[in-house]
Each structure stands twice: as structure tokens, then as C-alpha cells.
Amino acid sequence: MKDYEAAYLSGIIDGEVCILLTNIHKNEYRRPCITIASTDIELLEYVKFLTGGSVTRKKNYCT
């Protein structure tokens, strides 16, 4: 990752990210989960490209 990409990602993390500990199964250790609440699919795909993560669509309960 280049310096300007890391700086951009840092800004995204500072402004739009939620970091939490989660466990999917009852007898499982907690693990970090980082989520970005954004409707901008291009932004999410770019962050996915930079980090090797994944994009999951969630239902919007506000509409």
C-alpha cells in the first residue's frame, strides 16, 4: 500500500468505521470486526481492494 492510499484509508477509518469484537458461535473466541456504514459502493470496493476484505450488503431498516 502506498503512503497516499494509507492516508486515505486512515481518513475513512477515522470518519466512517465501527470497530467491535464479535463472536458468531457461542463457544468461539471474540474476534475484531471492522465495518464501514456507507452506501457508496465504489468506496467500499476500493477499501476492499486495499485491505483484501469483503463487502456484505445489509438491509437498511431506516427506509
Protein backbone atom coordinates (compact mmCIF):
# COMPACT_ATOMS: atom_id res chain seq x y z
CA MET A 1 0.00 0.00 0.00
CA LYS A 2 1.32 3.40 -0.95
CA ASP A 3 1.54 6.28 1.52
CA TYR A 4 -1.33 8.23 -0.05
CA GLU A 5 -3.55 5.13 -0.01
CA ALA A 6 -2.79 4.55 3.68
CA ALA A 7 -3.57 8.21 4.42
CA TYR A 8 -6.90 7.99 2.54
CA LEU A 9 -7.79 4.75 4.33
CA SER A 10 -6.91 6.39 7.66
CA GLY A 11 -9.40 9.17 6.92
CA ILE A 12 -12.12 6.64 6.09
CA ILE A 13 -11.40 4.75 9.32
CA ASP A 14 -11.50 7.96 11.34
CA GLY A 15 -14.80 9.11 9.88
CA GLU A 16 -16.94 6.12 8.94
CA VAL A 17 -15.74 2.96 10.66
CA CYS A 18 -17.10 0.98 13.59
CA ILE A 19 -14.64 -1.41 15.27
CA LEU A 20 -16.10 -4.07 17.56
CA LEU A 21 -15.44 -7.52 18.96
CA THR A 22 -17.84 -10.23 17.86
CA ASN A 23 -18.34 -13.95 18.04
CA ILE A 24 -20.57 -15.87 15.65
CA HIS A 25 -20.81 -19.10 17.62
CA LYS A 26 -21.40 -19.47 21.36
CA ASN A 27 -18.14 -21.32 22.16
CA GLU A 28 -15.92 -19.17 19.97
CA TYR A 29 -13.36 -16.56 20.97
CA ARG A 30 -14.22 -12.99 20.11
CA ARG A 31 -12.60 -11.51 17.02
CA PRO A 32 -12.36 -7.97 15.71
CA CYS A 33 -14.88 -6.82 13.13
CA ILE A 34 -14.45 -3.57 11.24
CA THR A 35 -17.50 -2.16 9.47
CA ILE A 36 -18.00 0.83 7.20
CA ALA A 37 -21.54 2.15 7.01
CA SER A 38 -21.59 3.63 3.51
CA THR A 39 -23.88 3.47 0.50
CA ASP A 40 -21.03 4.40 -1.87
CA ILE A 41 -20.22 1.03 -3.47
CA GLU A 42 -17.15 2.46 -5.25
CA LEU A 43 -15.68 3.49 -1.90
CA LEU A 44 -16.39 0.07 -0.40
CA GLU A 45 -14.85 -1.73 -3.37
CA TYR A 46 -11.74 0.48 -3.14
CA VAL A 47 -11.32 -0.28 0.57
CA LYS A 48 -11.83 -3.97 -0.24
CA PHE A 49 -9.09 -3.72 -2.88
CA LEU A 50 -6.69 -2.03 -0.45
CA THR A 51 -7.31 -4.33 2.51
CA GLY A 52 -8.30 -7.66 0.98
CA GLY A 53 -11.55 -7.61 2.96
CA SER A 54 -15.07 -8.29 1.79
CA VAL A 55 -18.24 -6.30 1.11
CA THR A 56 -21.52 -7.55 2.55
CA ARG A 57 -24.83 -5.86 1.89
CA LYS A 58 -27.06 -5.31 4.90
CA LYS A 59 -30.74 -4.46 4.98
CA ASN A 60 -31.48 -0.78 5.56
CA TYR A 61 -34.06 -0.53 8.34
CA CYS A 62 -34.35 3.25 8.04
CA THR A 63 -36.37 3.31 4.81
